[in-house]
C-alpha cells in the first residue's frame, strides 16, 4: 500500500490540500502515467478517492487526490460551497500541478501521460474538463452524476425536481442576501441525516439510505466530511450541464463505471450516449451508487486496464 505525500497546489488563488500517491515499489512501470482523482459532492480526499488511489498506485500509476476549494482541508470561504465551475478549475489546476512535477528530475511524472478519474459529482466535472483541456489523455468516472441535472431532475431518471429547485433557488437568494448587514443568516443544508438509523426511521428513499450507509457509519465517517452545503450553491449548479458536449472528448477515450443497483446508473448511460468513440460503459453487477465508493476491486481493476491501455 502506498502512503501518500502531503502536497498542495493553487486553484484561483486558493491553496488546495492534496495527497500524492507514488507507485508502489515493485509495481509495473507505467512510463510516468499519472491520474488526478476528484471526490464526490460533500466528500473529501480521504474517502472514495483514497480507495481508488490505492488500487491504481499499486498498479504503478502516480495518483493525486485533493480537497475541492471551500471544502475539507483546502482554503476558501464561504465554507461548504459547491461551485461546479470552481470544481472544474480545481481539476485543471491539479493537472497543472502534475505538469509542474514532471519538470522535476526523477519525478516519475510524464506531462504527456495524465488522466482524470471523477467520482459521483466529479464524474460530471471530469468529463466536462476533458471536453476542453487537451492535456488530459484519458478520462474515467465511477458512479457519475451531473450536479446540474440532479438539481433539475433529482436522483432518479424519470423524476422532475423543478418545484424543489425553485425553493432551493429562493433559499440561495436569501443566503446571498445574508452577506448584507441586517439580513438574517440562512442555515446550511444538511444533505443527509446524522445517522443511518435516522435515515431508515424517516423512510427516506433507498438512494439516501445508500449514501447514509457510507457517509454516516464507520464505513467512511470522517469529521471533515460534514455532508453539508451552502444554499447559494444551488444557483451555481442549477443550469450546469456536464455531459452536453461529451462528444468533444474524442478521439481521447472515456470510460464510465456504474453498478446494476445504482439509482444513478442512467447518468453514466447518458454520458456515454453523448460521447463519441472510443467510449465504454462498464456496469458492475450487484453494486449500488455508494458501493462504488469503497468496493473498488472490480471497478478499480477495470480502470487499471483502461488507463494502462491509453496512458502509455
C-alpha atoms as a PDB file:
ATOM      1  CA  UNK A   1       0.000   0.000   0.000  1.00  0.00           C
ATOM      2  CA  UNK A   2       1.280   3.471  -0.907  1.00  0.00           C
ATOM      3  CA  UNK A   3       1.399   6.067   1.881  1.00  0.00           C
ATOM      4  CA  UNK A   4       0.716   9.426   0.239  1.00  0.00           C
ATOM      5  CA  UNK A   5       2.831  12.556   0.493  1.00  0.00           C
ATOM      6  CA  UNK A   6       1.043  15.680   1.663  1.00  0.00           C
ATOM      7  CA  UNK A   7       1.270  18.323  -1.060  1.00  0.00           C
ATOM      8  CA  UNK A   8      -0.714  21.385  -2.134  1.00  0.00           C
ATOM      9  CA  UNK A   9      -1.402  23.435  -5.237  1.00  0.00           C
ATOM     10  CA  UNK A  10      -3.135  26.673  -6.232  1.00  0.00           C
ATOM     11  CA  UNK A  11      -6.639  26.962  -7.705  1.00  0.00           C
ATOM     12  CA  UNK A  12      -7.754  30.533  -8.471  1.00  0.00           C
ATOM     13  CA  UNK A  13      -5.709  31.896  -5.603  1.00  0.00           C
ATOM     14  CA  UNK A  14      -6.818  29.243  -3.106  1.00  0.00           C
ATOM     15  CA  UNK A  15      -4.439  26.650  -1.702  1.00  0.00           C
ATOM     16  CA  UNK A  16      -5.807  23.121  -2.072  1.00  0.00           C
ATOM     17  CA  UNK A  17      -4.700  20.347   0.277  1.00  0.00           C
ATOM     18  CA  UNK A  18      -3.716  17.227  -1.635  1.00  0.00           C
ATOM     19  CA  UNK A  19      -2.216  13.760  -1.347  1.00  0.00           C
ATOM     20  CA  UNK A  20       0.261  12.402  -3.880  1.00  0.00           C
ATOM     21  CA  UNK A  21       0.372   8.621  -4.131  1.00  0.00           C
ATOM     22  CA  UNK A  22       3.533   7.327  -5.777  1.00  0.00           C
ATOM     23  CA  UNK A  23       3.626   3.933  -7.471  1.00  0.00           C
ATOM     24  CA  UNK A  24       4.034   1.082  -5.001  1.00  0.00           C
ATOM     25  CA  UNK A  25       7.567  -0.396  -5.139  1.00  0.00           C
ATOM     26  CA  UNK A  26       7.636  -3.408  -7.412  1.00  0.00           C
ATOM     27  CA  UNK A  27       4.520  -2.332  -9.342  1.00  0.00           C
ATOM     28  CA  UNK A  28       4.546  -2.297 -13.153  1.00  0.00           C
ATOM     29  CA  UNK A  29       6.258   0.576 -14.947  1.00  0.00           C
ATOM     30  CA  UNK A  30       3.679   2.957 -16.406  1.00  0.00           C
ATOM     31  CA  UNK A  31       6.004   5.394 -18.211  1.00  0.00           C
ATOM     32  CA  UNK A  32       5.200   8.219 -15.817  1.00  0.00           C
ATOM     33  CA  UNK A  33       1.432   7.903 -16.196  1.00  0.00           C
ATOM     34  CA  UNK A  34      -0.423   9.947 -13.558  1.00  0.00           C
ATOM     35  CA  UNK A  35      -4.085  10.259 -12.606  1.00  0.00           C
ATOM     36  CA  UNK A  36      -5.985  13.084 -10.934  1.00  0.00           C
ATOM     37  CA  UNK A  37      -8.778  11.666  -8.739  1.00  0.00           C
ATOM     38  CA  UNK A  38     -11.610  14.062  -7.812  1.00  0.00           C
ATOM     39  CA  UNK A  39     -14.049  13.459  -4.942  1.00  0.00           C
ATOM     40  CA  UNK A  40     -17.867  13.425  -4.718  1.00  0.00           C
ATOM     41  CA  UNK A  41     -20.084  16.304  -3.611  1.00  0.00           C
ATOM     42  CA  UNK A  42     -19.740  16.929   0.184  1.00  0.00           C
ATOM     43  CA  UNK A  43     -16.852  14.457   0.365  1.00  0.00           C
ATOM     44  CA  UNK A  44     -13.089  14.643   0.944  1.00  0.00           C
ATOM     45  CA  UNK A  45      -9.884  13.127  -0.422  1.00  0.00           C
ATOM     46  CA  UNK A  46      -9.579  10.582   2.419  1.00  0.00           C
ATOM     47  CA  UNK A  47     -12.785   8.806   1.396  1.00  0.00           C
ATOM     48  CA  UNK A  48     -13.528   7.279  -2.033  1.00  0.00           C
ATOM     49  CA  UNK A  49     -10.566   8.919  -3.856  1.00  0.00           C
ATOM     50  CA  UNK A  50      -8.161   7.195  -1.467  1.00  0.00           C
ATOM     51  CA  UNK A  51      -9.707   3.804  -2.271  1.00  0.00           C
ATOM     52  CA  UNK A  52      -9.100   4.212  -5.992  1.00  0.00           C
ATOM     53  CA  UNK A  53      -5.682   5.785  -5.468  1.00  0.00           C
ATOM     54  CA  UNK A  54      -4.554   2.708  -3.557  1.00  0.00           C
ATOM     55  CA  UNK A  55      -5.689   0.384  -6.356  1.00  0.00           C
ATOM     56  CA  UNK A  56      -4.128   2.489  -9.098  1.00  0.00           C
ATOM     57  CA  UNK A  57      -0.847   3.223  -7.289  1.00  0.00           C
ATOM     58  CA  UNK A  58      -0.475  -0.499  -6.577  1.00  0.00           C
ATOM     59  CA  UNK A  59      -0.721  -0.947 -10.355  1.00  0.00           C
ATOM     60  CA  UNK A  60       2.081   1.538 -10.995  1.00  0.00           C
ATOM     61  CA  UNK A  61       0.272   4.840 -11.514  1.00  0.00           C
ATOM     62  CA  UNK A  62       1.029   8.091  -9.705  1.00  0.00           C
ATOM     63  CA  UNK A  63      -2.234   9.449  -8.252  1.00  0.00           C
ATOM     64  CA  UNK A  64      -3.187  12.910  -6.994  1.00  0.00           C
ATOM     65  CA  UNK A  65      -6.192  13.344  -4.708  1.00  0.00           C
ATOM     66  CA  UNK A  66      -7.252  16.643  -3.162  1.00  0.00           C
ATOM     67  CA  UNK A  67      -9.986  18.502  -1.299  1.00  0.00           C
ATOM     68  CA  UNK A  68     -12.007  20.831  -3.501  1.00  0.00           C
ATOM     69  CA  UNK A  69     -11.885  24.572  -2.843  1.00  0.00           C
ATOM     70  CA  UNK A  70     -14.128  25.622   0.093  1.00  0.00           C
ATOM     71  CA  UNK A  71     -14.123  22.063   1.408  1.00  0.00           C
ATOM     72  CA  UNK A  72     -12.088  19.708   3.608  1.00  0.00           C
ATOM     73  CA  UNK A  73      -8.593  20.977   4.410  1.00  0.00           C
ATOM     74  CA  UNK A  74      -8.478  23.319   1.413  1.00  0.00           C
ATOM     75  CA  UNK A  75      -8.801  27.093   1.525  1.00  0.00           C
ATOM     76  CA  UNK A  76     -11.850  29.092   0.527  1.00  0.00           C
ATOM     77  CA  UNK A  77     -14.723  30.953   2.107  1.00  0.00           C
ATOM     78  CA  UNK A  78     -17.624  30.668   2.422  1.00  0.00           C
ATOM     79  CA  UNK A  79     -17.157  27.095   3.598  1.00  0.00           C
ATOM     80  CA  UNK A  80     -19.177  24.202   2.146  1.00  0.00           C
ATOM     81  CA  UNK A  81     -19.722  25.960  -1.184  1.00  0.00           C
ATOM     82  CA  UNK A  82     -20.272  23.645  -4.161  1.00  0.00           C
ATOM     83  CA  UNK A  83     -19.327  25.656  -7.236  1.00  0.00           C
ATOM     84  CA  UNK A  84     -19.242  23.477 -10.385  1.00  0.00           C
ATOM     85  CA  UNK A  85     -17.088  25.959 -12.245  1.00  0.00           C
ATOM     86  CA  UNK A  86     -14.510  26.180  -9.474  1.00  0.00           C
ATOM     87  CA  UNK A  87     -14.612  22.392  -9.158  1.00  0.00           C
ATOM     88  CA  UNK A  88     -13.774  22.259 -12.868  1.00  0.00           C
ATOM     89  CA  UNK A  89     -10.925  24.729 -12.280  1.00  0.00           C
ATOM     90  CA  UNK A  90      -9.645  22.563  -9.413  1.00  0.00           C
ATOM     91  CA  UNK A  91      -9.207  19.628 -11.805  1.00  0.00           C
ATOM     92  CA  UNK A  92      -7.443  21.794 -14.385  1.00  0.00           C
ATOM     93  CA  UNK A  93      -5.120  23.116 -11.680  1.00  0.00           C
ATOM     94  CA  UNK A  94      -4.462  19.582 -10.435  1.00  0.00           C
ATOM     95  CA  UNK A  95      -3.339  18.695 -13.958  1.00  0.00           C
ATOM     96  CA  UNK A  96      -1.121  21.797 -13.978  1.00  0.00           C
ATOM     97  CA  UNK A  97       0.407  20.650 -10.684  1.00  0.00           C
ATOM     98  CA  UNK A  98       1.283  17.273 -12.201  1.00  0.00           C
ATOM     99  CA  UNK A  99       2.825  19.042 -15.203  1.00  0.00           C
ATOM    100  CA  UNK A 100       4.957  21.051 -12.771  1.00  0.00           C
ATOM    101  CA  UNK A 101       6.083  17.828 -11.092  1.00  0.00           C
ATOM    102  CA  UNK A 102       7.044  16.417 -14.474  1.00  0.00           C
ATOM    103  CA  UNK A 103       9.580  19.217 -14.867  1.00  0.00           C
ATOM    104  CA  UNK A 104      11.462  17.976 -11.791  1.00  0.00           C
ATOM    105  CA  UNK A 105      14.265  15.467 -12.160  1.00  0.00           C
ATOM    106  CA  UNK A 106      13.269  11.859 -11.377  1.00  0.00           C
ATOM    107  CA  UNK A 107       9.685  12.878 -10.565  1.00  0.00           C
ATOM    108  CA  UNK A 108       8.183   9.796 -12.183  1.00  0.00           C
ATOM    109  CA  UNK A 109       5.550  12.002 -13.836  1.00  0.00           C
ATOM    110  CA  UNK A 110       5.170  12.444 -17.616  1.00  0.00           C
ATOM    111  CA  UNK A 111       3.350  15.643 -18.592  1.00  0.00           C
ATOM    112  CA  UNK A 112       2.001  13.935 -21.709  1.00  0.00           C
ATOM    113  CA  UNK A 113       0.596  10.968 -19.779  1.00  0.00           C
ATOM    114  CA  UNK A 114      -2.112  12.406 -17.494  1.00  0.00           C
ATOM    115  CA  UNK A 115      -5.590  11.009 -16.935  1.00  0.00           C
ATOM    116  CA  UNK A 116      -8.516  12.019 -14.725  1.00  0.00           C
ATOM    117  CA  UNK A 117     -10.927   9.951 -12.634  1.00  0.00           C
ATOM    118  CA  UNK A 118     -14.055  11.620 -11.260  1.00  0.00           C
ATOM    119  CA  UNK A 119     -16.332  10.050  -8.644  1.00  0.00           C
ATOM    120  CA  UNK A 120     -20.044  10.925  -8.227  1.00  0.00           C
ATOM    121  CA  UNK A 121     -20.422  14.684  -8.895  1.00  0.00           C
ATOM    122  CA  UNK A 122     -16.816  14.748 -10.063  1.00  0.00           C
ATOM    123  CA  UNK A 123     -17.888  12.076 -12.521  1.00  0.00           C
ATOM    124  CA  UNK A 124     -19.631  15.013 -14.160  1.00  0.00           C
ATOM    125  CA  UNK A 125     -16.864  17.532 -13.617  1.00  0.00           C
ATOM    126  CA  UNK A 126     -14.108  15.285 -15.018  1.00  0.00           C
ATOM    127  CA  UNK A 127     -15.679  14.755 -18.474  1.00  0.00           C
ATOM    128  CA  UNK A 128     -16.618  18.459 -18.574  1.00  0.00           C
ATOM    129  CA  UNK A 129     -12.958  19.353 -18.034  1.00  0.00           C
ATOM    130  CA  UNK A 130     -11.721  16.819 -20.594  1.00  0.00           C
ATOM    131  CA  UNK A 131     -14.002  18.318 -23.249  1.00  0.00           C
ATOM    132  CA  UNK A 132     -11.707  21.350 -23.457  1.00  0.00           C
ATOM    133  CA  UNK A 133      -8.468  20.502 -21.623  1.00  0.00           C
ATOM    134  CA  UNK A 134      -6.432  18.592 -24.181  1.00  0.00           C
ATOM    135  CA  UNK A 135      -3.711  17.837 -21.638  1.00  0.00           C
ATOM    136  CA  UNK A 136      -5.999  15.077 -20.339  1.00  0.00           C
ATOM    137  CA  UNK A 137      -5.344  11.927 -22.360  1.00  0.00           C
ATOM    138  CA  UNK A 138      -7.997   9.670 -20.833  1.00  0.00           C
ATOM    139  CA  UNK A 139     -10.993  10.210 -18.533  1.00  0.00           C
ATOM    140  CA  UNK A 140     -12.870   7.728 -16.333  1.00  0.00           C
ATOM    141  CA  UNK A 141     -15.763   8.042 -13.909  1.00  0.00           C
ATOM    142  CA  UNK A 142     -17.258   5.998 -11.073  1.00  0.00           C
ATOM    143  CA  UNK A 143     -20.932   6.403 -10.126  1.00  0.00           C
ATOM    144  CA  UNK A 144     -21.087   9.609 -12.152  1.00  0.00           C
ATOM    145  CA  UNK A 145     -23.776  12.247 -11.778  1.00  0.00           C
ATOM    146  CA  UNK A 146     -24.195  15.707 -13.261  1.00  0.00           C
ATOM    147  CA  UNK A 147     -24.752  18.174 -10.405  1.00  0.00           C
ATOM    148  CA  UNK A 148     -26.849  20.420 -12.636  1.00  0.00           C
ATOM    149  CA  UNK A 149     -29.084  17.653 -13.945  1.00  0.00           C
ATOM    150  CA  UNK A 150     -29.511  16.404 -10.394  1.00  0.00           C
ATOM    151  CA  UNK A 151     -30.606  19.872  -9.296  1.00  0.00           C
ATOM    152  CA  UNK A 152     -33.161  19.985 -12.115  1.00  0.00           C
ATOM    153  CA  UNK A 153     -34.340  16.375 -12.185  1.00  0.00           C
ATOM    154  CA  UNK A 154     -33.259  14.683  -8.979  1.00  0.00           C
ATOM    155  CA  UNK A 155     -31.597  11.340  -8.396  1.00  0.00           C
ATOM    156  CA  UNK A 156     -33.928   9.135 -10.429  1.00  0.00           C
ATOM    157  CA  UNK A 157     -34.213   9.044 -14.214  1.00  0.00           C
ATOM    158  CA  UNK A 158     -37.907   9.779 -14.576  1.00  0.00           C
ATOM    159  CA  UNK A 159     -38.201  12.428 -11.877  1.00  0.00           C
ATOM    160  CA  UNK A 160     -38.542  16.198 -12.004  1.00  0.00           C
ATOM    161  CA  UNK A 161     -37.148  18.441  -9.319  1.00  0.00           C
ATOM    162  CA  UNK A 162     -38.164  21.838 -10.670  1.00  0.00           C
ATOM    163  CA  UNK A 163     -40.596  22.692  -7.857  1.00  0.00           C
ATOM    164  CA  UNK A 164     -37.998  21.775  -5.244  1.00  0.00           C
ATOM    165  CA  UNK A 165     -35.340  23.601  -7.249  1.00  0.00           C
ATOM    166  CA  UNK A 166     -37.390  26.795  -7.180  1.00  0.00           C
ATOM    167  CA  UNK A 167     -37.494  26.589  -3.378  1.00  0.00           C
ATOM    168  CA  UNK A 168     -33.736  25.926  -3.335  1.00  0.00           C
ATOM    169  CA  UNK A 169     -33.137  28.984  -5.522  1.00  0.00           C
ATOM    170  CA  UNK A 170     -35.231  31.090  -3.150  1.00  0.00           C
ATOM    171  CA  UNK A 171     -33.025  29.850  -0.302  1.00  0.00           C
ATOM    172  CA  UNK A 172     -29.942  30.635  -2.409  1.00  0.00           C
ATOM    173  CA  UNK A 173     -31.163  34.210  -2.863  1.00  0.00           C
ATOM    174  CA  UNK A 174     -31.717  34.595   0.888  1.00  0.00           C
ATOM    175  CA  UNK A 175     -28.283  33.110   1.511  1.00  0.00           C
ATOM    176  CA  UNK A 176     -26.635  35.677  -0.762  1.00  0.00           C
ATOM    177  CA  UNK A 177     -28.604  38.485   0.876  1.00  0.00           C
ATOM    178  CA  UNK A 178     -27.276  37.357   4.257  1.00  0.00           C
ATOM    179  CA  UNK A 179     -23.960  38.920   3.208  1.00  0.00           C
ATOM    180  CA  UNK A 180     -25.665  42.289   3.613  1.00  0.00           C
ATOM    181  CA  UNK A 181     -25.754  43.647   7.202  1.00  0.00           C
ATOM    182  CA  UNK A 182     -29.199  43.350   8.718  1.00  0.00           C
ATOM    183  CA  UNK A 183     -30.219  40.283   6.700  1.00  0.00           C
ATOM    184  CA  UNK A 184     -30.794  37.020   8.523  1.00  0.00           C
ATOM    185  CA  UNK A 185     -28.333  34.153   8.066  1.00  0.00           C
ATOM    186  CA  UNK A 186     -29.647  31.109   6.197  1.00  0.00           C
ATOM    187  CA  UNK A 187     -28.904  27.660   7.662  1.00  0.00           C
ATOM    188  CA  UNK A 188     -26.512  25.361   5.841  1.00  0.00           C
ATOM    189  CA  UNK A 189     -28.186  22.441   4.026  1.00  0.00           C
ATOM    190  CA  UNK A 190     -27.661  19.028   5.620  1.00  0.00           C
ATOM    191  CA  UNK A 191     -27.643  16.606   2.699  1.00  0.00           C
ATOM    192  CA  UNK A 192     -28.047  13.505   4.886  1.00  0.00           C
ATOM    193  CA  UNK A 193     -29.360  12.681   8.371  1.00  0.00           C
ATOM    194  CA  UNK A 194     -26.755  12.341  11.082  1.00  0.00           C
ATOM    195  CA  UNK A 195     -27.105   8.560  11.333  1.00  0.00           C
ATOM    196  CA  UNK A 196     -28.217   5.652   9.179  1.00  0.00           C
ATOM    197  CA  UNK A 197     -30.883   4.845  11.784  1.00  0.00           C
ATOM    198  CA  UNK A 198     -32.388   8.314  11.295  1.00  0.00           C
ATOM    199  CA  UNK A 199     -32.467   7.808   7.530  1.00  0.00           C
ATOM    200  CA  UNK A 200     -34.179   4.462   7.968  1.00  0.00           C
ATOM    201  CA  UNK A 201     -36.664   5.734  10.571  1.00  0.00           C
ATOM    202  CA  UNK A 202     -37.599   8.673   8.338  1.00  0.00           C
ATOM    203  CA  UNK A 203     -38.351   6.230   5.497  1.00  0.00           C
ATOM    204  CA  UNK A 204     -36.021   8.158   3.233  1.00  0.00           C
ATOM    205  CA  UNK A 205     -35.668   6.898  -0.370  1.00  0.00           C
ATOM    206  CA  UNK A 206     -33.309   3.952  -0.855  1.00  0.00           C
ATOM    207  CA  UNK A 207     -30.795   6.202  -2.611  1.00  0.00           C
ATOM    208  CA  UNK A 208     -30.439   8.364   0.512  1.00  0.00           C
ATOM    209  CA  UNK A 209     -30.150   5.325   2.757  1.00  0.00           C
ATOM    210  CA  UNK A 210     -27.466   4.038   0.406  1.00  0.00           C
ATOM    211  CA  UNK A 211     -25.462   7.240   0.864  1.00  0.00           C
ATOM    212  CA  UNK A 212     -26.073   7.326   4.625  1.00  0.00           C
ATOM    213  CA  UNK A 213     -24.782   3.760   4.901  1.00  0.00           C
ATOM    214  CA  UNK A 214     -21.450   5.065   3.590  1.00  0.00           C
ATOM    215  CA  UNK A 215     -21.088   8.570   4.991  1.00  0.00           C
ATOM    216  CA  UNK A 216     -22.896   8.138   8.316  1.00  0.00           C
ATOM    217  CA  UNK A 217     -21.396   4.885   9.565  1.00  0.00           C
ATOM    218  CA  UNK A 218     -17.859   3.739  10.481  1.00  0.00           C
ATOM    219  CA  UNK A 219     -17.580   2.586   6.881  1.00  0.00           C
ATOM    220  CA  UNK A 220     -16.443   6.112   5.891  1.00  0.00           C
ATOM    221  CA  UNK A 221     -17.481   8.619   8.556  1.00  0.00           C
ATOM    222  CA  UNK A 222     -14.938  11.457   8.859  1.00  0.00           C
ATOM    223  CA  UNK A 223     -15.045  14.689  10.900  1.00  0.00           C
ATOM    224  CA  UNK A 224     -14.128  16.801   7.846  1.00  0.00           C
ATOM    225  CA  UNK A 225     -16.870  15.267   5.707  1.00  0.00           C
ATOM    226  CA  UNK A 226     -19.905  17.005   7.176  1.00  0.00           C
ATOM    227  CA  UNK A 227     -22.172  16.375   4.155  1.00  0.00           C
ATOM    228  CA  UNK A 228     -23.364  19.976   4.318  1.00  0.00           C
ATOM    229  CA  UNK A 229     -23.701  22.510   1.527  1.00  0.00           C
ATOM    230  CA  UNK A 230     -24.393  26.248   1.336  1.00  0.00           C
ATOM    231  CA  UNK A 231     -27.801  27.150  -0.160  1.00  0.00           C
ATOM    232  CA  UNK A 232     -26.136  29.540  -2.612  1.00  0.00           C
ATOM    233  CA  UNK A 233     -24.549  26.502  -4.256  1.00  0.00           C
ATOM    234  CA  UNK A 234     -27.854  25.763  -5.995  1.00  0.00           C
ATOM    235  CA  UNK A 235     -27.854  28.896  -8.129  1.00  0.00           C
ATOM    236  CA  UNK A 236     -24.419  27.811  -9.375  1.00  0.00           C
ATOM    237  CA  UNK A 237     -25.481  24.221 -10.071  1.00  0.00           C
ATOM    238  CA  UNK A 238     -28.977  24.784 -11.473  1.00  0.00           C
ATOM    239  CA  UNK A 239     -28.040  25.357 -15.127  1.00  0.00           C
ATOM    240  CA  UNK A 240     -24.767  23.399 -15.226  1.00  0.00           C
ATOM    241  CA  UNK A 241     -24.688  20.575 -17.805  1.00  0.00           C
ATOM    242  CA  UNK A 242     -21.731  18.220 -17.504  1.00  0.00           C
ATOM    243  CA  UNK A 243     -22.327  15.897 -20.444  1.00  0.00           C
ATOM    244  CA  UNK A 244     -23.819  18.107 -23.174  1.00  0.00           C
ATOM    245  CA  UNK A 245     -20.522  18.324 -25.072  1.00  0.00           C
ATOM    246  CA  UNK A 246     -19.049  14.908 -24.259  1.00  0.00           C
ATOM    247  CA  UNK A 247     -18.513  14.390 -27.991  1.00  0.00           C
ATOM    248  CA  UNK A 248     -15.641  16.870 -27.695  1.00  0.00           C
ATOM    249  CA  UNK A 249     -13.631  14.379 -25.609  1.00  0.00           C
ATOM    250  CA  UNK A 250     -12.987  12.201 -28.673  1.00  0.00           C
ATOM    251  CA  UNK A 251     -10.642  10.953 -30.003  1.00  0.00           C
ATOM    252  CA  UNK A 252      -9.457  10.623 -26.396  1.00  0.00           C
ATOM    253  CA  UNK A 253     -11.160   7.751 -24.531  1.00  0.00           C
ATOM    254  CA  UNK A 254     -13.992   7.872 -21.973  1.00  0.00           C
ATOM    255  CA  UNK A 255     -14.845   5.092 -19.506  1.00  0.00           C
ATOM    256  CA  UNK A 256     -17.907   5.395 -17.241  1.00  0.00           C
ATOM    257  CA  UNK A 257     -18.331   2.793 -14.496  1.00  0.00           C
ATOM    258  CA  UNK A 258     -21.614   2.258 -12.674  1.00  0.00           C
ATOM    259  CA  UNK A 259     -23.472  -0.537 -10.863  1.00  0.00           C
ATOM    260  CA  UNK A 260     -26.545  -2.600 -11.678  1.00  0.00           C
ATOM    261  CA  UNK A 261     -28.187  -1.406  -8.450  1.00  0.00           C
ATOM    262  CA  UNK A 262     -27.060   2.221  -8.686  1.00  0.00           C
ATOM    263  CA  UNK A 263     -30.001   4.629  -8.795  1.00  0.00           C
ATOM    264  CA  UNK A 264     -27.678   6.927 -10.739  1.00  0.00           C
ATOM    265  CA  UNK A 265     -26.863   4.379 -13.452  1.00  0.00           C
ATOM    266  CA  UNK A 266     -28.787   6.430 -16.000  1.00  0.00           C
ATOM    267  CA  UNK A 267     -26.372   9.336 -15.630  1.00  0.00           C
ATOM    268  CA  UNK A 268     -23.494   7.172 -16.872  1.00  0.00           C
ATOM    269  CA  UNK A 269     -25.670   5.809 -19.664  1.00  0.00           C
ATOM    270  CA  UNK A 270     -26.494   9.376 -20.687  1.00  0.00           C
ATOM    271  CA  UNK A 271     -22.873  10.490 -20.505  1.00  0.00           C
ATOM    272  CA  UNK A 272     -21.689   7.637 -22.714  1.00  0.00           C
ATOM    273  CA  UNK A 273     -24.561   8.133 -25.180  1.00  0.00           C
ATOM    274  CA  UNK A 274     -23.463  11.752 -25.704  1.00  0.00           C
ATOM    275  CA  UNK A 275     -19.817  10.801 -26.280  1.00  0.00           C
ATOM    276  CA  UNK A 276     -18.056   9.551 -29.395  1.00  0.00           C
ATOM    277  CA  UNK A 277     -15.753   6.579 -29.704  1.00  0.00           C
ATOM    278  CA  UNK A 278     -13.624   5.427 -28.023  1.00  0.00           C
ATOM    279  CA  UNK A 279     -16.096   5.147 -25.156  1.00  0.00           C
ATOM    280  CA  UNK A 280     -17.298   2.437 -22.798  1.00  0.00           C
ATOM    281  CA  UNK A 281     -19.998   1.929 -20.200  1.00  0.00           C
ATOM    282  CA  UNK A 282     -18.937  -0.672 -17.646  1.00  0.00           C
ATOM    283  CA  UNK A 283     -21.574  -1.959 -15.212  1.00  0.00           C
ATOM    284  CA  UNK A 284     -20.537  -3.805 -12.055  1.00  0.00           C
ATOM    285  CA  UNK A 285     -23.016  -6.491 -11.060  1.00  0.00           C
ATOM    286  CA  UNK A 286     -24.782  -6.012  -7.719  1.00  0.00           C
ATOM    287  CA  UNK A 287     -23.294  -2.666  -6.702  1.00  0.00           C
ATOM    288  CA  UNK A 288     -25.176   0.463  -5.639  1.00  0.00           C
ATOM    289  CA  UNK A 289     -24.005   4.047  -6.113  1.00  0.00           C
ATOM    290  CA  UNK A 290     -22.293   4.204  -2.706  1.00  0.00           C
ATOM    291  CA  UNK A 291     -20.847   0.707  -3.128  1.00  0.00           C
ATOM    292  CA  UNK A 292     -18.711   2.125  -5.919  1.00  0.00           C
ATOM    293  CA  UNK A 293     -17.084   4.450  -3.375  1.00  0.00           C
ATOM    294  CA  UNK A 294     -15.322   1.670  -1.476  1.00  0.00           C
ATOM    295  CA  UNK A 295     -15.956  -1.665  -3.185  1.00  0.00           C
ATOM    296  CA  UNK A 296     -13.320  -0.784  -5.707  1.00  0.00           C
ATOM    297  CA  UNK A 297     -11.845  -4.180  -6.614  1.00  0.00           C
ATOM    298  CA  UNK A 298     -13.681  -4.768  -9.896  1.00  0.00           C
ATOM    299  CA  UNK A 299     -14.145  -1.109 -10.798  1.00  0.00           C
ATOM    300  CA  UNK A 300     -10.527  -0.404  -9.920  1.00  0.00           C
ATOM    301  CA  UNK A 301      -9.283  -3.350 -11.973  1.00  0.00           C
ATOM    302  CA  UNK A 302     -11.252  -2.059 -14.937  1.00  0.00           C
ATOM    303  CA  UNK A 303      -9.665   1.366 -14.522  1.00  0.00           C
ATOM    304  CA  UNK A 304      -6.197  -0.165 -14.295  1.00  0.00           C
ATOM    305  CA  UNK A 305      -6.853  -1.845 -17.654  1.00  0.00           C
ATOM    306  CA  UNK A 306      -8.310   1.358 -19.125  1.00  0.00           C
ATOM    307  CA  UNK A 307      -5.554   3.727 -18.044  1.00  0.00           C
ATOM    308  CA  UNK A 308      -2.947   1.059 -18.768  1.00  0.00           C
ATOM    309  CA  UNK A 309      -4.189   0.914 -22.369  1.00  0.00           C
ATOM    310  CA  UNK A 310      -4.425   4.648 -23.005  1.00  0.00           C
ATOM    311  CA  UNK A 311      -1.778   6.229 -20.757  1.00  0.00           C
ATOM    312  CA  UNK A 312       1.348   4.702 -22.289  1.00  0.00           C
END
